[in-house]
Amino acid sequence: MKPLNDRVLVKRLESEEKTAGGLFIPDAAKEKPSKGEIVACGPGKLNDKGERVAMEVKPGDVVLFAKYAGT
């Protein structure tokens, strides 16, 4: 899969099984993680002059994203 323009494909990273205090989190209480690894990214967006602006991220980078970002 190859995203177009300034789009990225993100794979969610698994959430922690245990808290910092040592408590285990049951599956029912876990939230979807808002942290992921970039799998693929497009070549970048075209600016007003028609020049391509390169992406600031690359595959392999770990990113944070909003809970309801993207579809």
C-alpha atoms as a PDB file:
ATOM      1  CA  MET A   1       0.000   0.000   0.000  1.00  0.00           C
ATOM      2  CA  LYS A   2       1.384   3.429  -0.942  1.00  0.00           C
ATOM      3  CA  PRO A   3      -0.337   6.544   0.477  1.00  0.00           C
ATOM      4  CA  LEU A   4      -0.733   9.554  -1.809  1.00  0.00           C
ATOM      5  CA  ASN A   5       0.444  13.144  -1.243  1.00  0.00           C
ATOM      6  CA  ASP A   6       0.702  13.992   2.482  1.00  0.00           C
ATOM      7  CA  ARG A   7      -1.062  10.900   3.851  1.00  0.00           C
ATOM      8  CA  VAL A   8       0.487   8.298   6.170  1.00  0.00           C
ATOM      9  CA  LEU A   9      -0.389   4.721   7.083  1.00  0.00           C
ATOM     10  CA  VAL A  10      -0.060   4.080  10.829  1.00  0.00           C
ATOM     11  CA  LYS A  11      -0.094   0.734  12.655  1.00  0.00           C
ATOM     12  CA  ARG A  12      -1.329   1.046  16.232  1.00  0.00           C
ATOM     13  CA  LEU A  13       1.100  -0.143  18.887  1.00  0.00           C
ATOM     14  CA  GLU A  14      -0.228  -2.434  21.595  1.00  0.00           C
ATOM     15  CA  SER A  15      -1.107  -0.792  24.899  1.00  0.00           C
ATOM     16  CA  GLU A  16       0.638  -1.650  28.131  1.00  0.00           C
ATOM     17  CA  GLU A  17      -0.532  -4.745  30.022  1.00  0.00           C
ATOM     18  CA  LYS A  18       0.640  -3.374  33.358  1.00  0.00           C
ATOM     19  CA  THR A  19       0.677   0.101  34.951  1.00  0.00           C
ATOM     20  CA  ALA A  20       3.798   1.779  36.325  1.00  0.00           C
ATOM     21  CA  GLY A  21       2.654   0.782  39.824  1.00  0.00           C
ATOM     22  CA  GLY A  22       2.517  -2.905  38.868  1.00  0.00           C
ATOM     23  CA  LEU A  23      -1.262  -3.319  38.465  1.00  0.00           C
ATOM     24  CA  PHE A  24      -2.505  -5.440  35.569  1.00  0.00           C
ATOM     25  CA  ILE A  25      -5.114  -3.824  33.306  1.00  0.00           C
ATOM     26  CA  PRO A  26      -8.006  -6.095  32.222  1.00  0.00           C
ATOM     27  CA  ASP A  27      -8.951  -6.165  28.525  1.00  0.00           C
ATOM     28  CA  ALA A  28     -12.349  -4.581  29.259  1.00  0.00           C
ATOM     29  CA  ALA A  29     -10.730  -1.487  30.800  1.00  0.00           C
ATOM     30  CA  LYS A  30      -8.143  -0.881  28.084  1.00  0.00           C
ATOM     31  CA  GLU A  31      -8.509   1.993  25.664  1.00  0.00           C
ATOM     32  CA  LYS A  32      -7.319   1.855  22.082  1.00  0.00           C
ATOM     33  CA  PRO A  33      -3.756   3.136  21.964  1.00  0.00           C
ATOM     34  CA  SER A  34      -3.113   6.576  20.518  1.00  0.00           C
ATOM     35  CA  LYS A  35       0.472   5.710  19.661  1.00  0.00           C
ATOM     36  CA  GLY A  36       1.564   4.017  16.467  1.00  0.00           C
ATOM     37  CA  GLU A  37       4.372   3.275  14.056  1.00  0.00           C
ATOM     38  CA  ILE A  38       4.409   4.730  10.543  1.00  0.00           C
ATOM     39  CA  VAL A  39       4.297   1.912   8.008  1.00  0.00           C
ATOM     40  CA  ALA A  40       4.227   4.010   4.819  1.00  0.00           C
ATOM     41  CA  CYS A  41       4.024   7.672   3.875  1.00  0.00           C
ATOM     42  CA  GLY A  42       3.316   9.597   0.695  1.00  0.00           C
ATOM     43  CA  PRO A  43       5.810  11.772  -1.174  1.00  0.00           C
ATOM     44  CA  GLY A  44       4.522  15.034   0.340  1.00  0.00           C
ATOM     45  CA  LYS A  45       2.150  17.876  -0.441  1.00  0.00           C
ATOM     46  CA  LEU A  46       2.365  20.339  -3.338  1.00  0.00           C
ATOM     47  CA  ASN A  47       2.723  23.969  -2.274  1.00  0.00           C
ATOM     48  CA  ASP A  48       1.280  27.014  -4.101  1.00  0.00           C
ATOM     49  CA  LYS A  49       4.234  27.113  -6.511  1.00  0.00           C
ATOM     50  CA  GLY A  50       3.721  23.467  -7.502  1.00  0.00           C
ATOM     51  CA  GLU A  51       6.821  22.273  -5.671  1.00  0.00           C
ATOM     52  CA  ARG A  52       6.640  19.122  -3.558  1.00  0.00           C
ATOM     53  CA  VAL A  53       7.231  19.653   0.176  1.00  0.00           C
ATOM     54  CA  ALA A  54       8.843  16.533   1.666  1.00  0.00           C
ATOM     55  CA  MET A  55       7.261  14.741   4.620  1.00  0.00           C
ATOM     56  CA  GLU A  56       8.791  15.292   8.060  1.00  0.00           C
ATOM     57  CA  VAL A  57       8.178  11.663   9.050  1.00  0.00           C
ATOM     58  CA  LYS A  58       9.430   8.415   7.567  1.00  0.00           C
ATOM     59  CA  PRO A  59       8.504   4.730   7.911  1.00  0.00           C
ATOM     60  CA  GLY A  60       9.603   3.374  11.273  1.00  0.00           C
ATOM     61  CA  ASP A  61       8.921   6.596  13.219  1.00  0.00           C
ATOM     62  CA  VAL A  62       6.668   6.335  16.292  1.00  0.00           C
ATOM     63  CA  VAL A  63       3.925   8.980  16.437  1.00  0.00           C
ATOM     64  CA  LEU A  64       1.091  10.066  18.711  1.00  0.00           C
ATOM     65  CA  PHE A  65      -2.318  10.808  17.207  1.00  0.00           C
ATOM     66  CA  ALA A  66      -5.744  11.978  18.384  1.00  0.00           C
ATOM     67  CA  LYS A  67      -8.257   9.410  19.605  1.00  0.00           C
ATOM     68  CA  TYR A  68     -10.669   9.976  16.708  1.00  0.00           C
ATOM     69  CA  ALA A  69      -8.119  11.064  14.070  1.00  0.00           C
ATOM     70  CA  GLY A  70      -8.389   9.533  10.621  1.00  0.00           C
ATOM     71  CA  THR A  71     -10.713   6.848   9.392  1.00  0.00           C
END
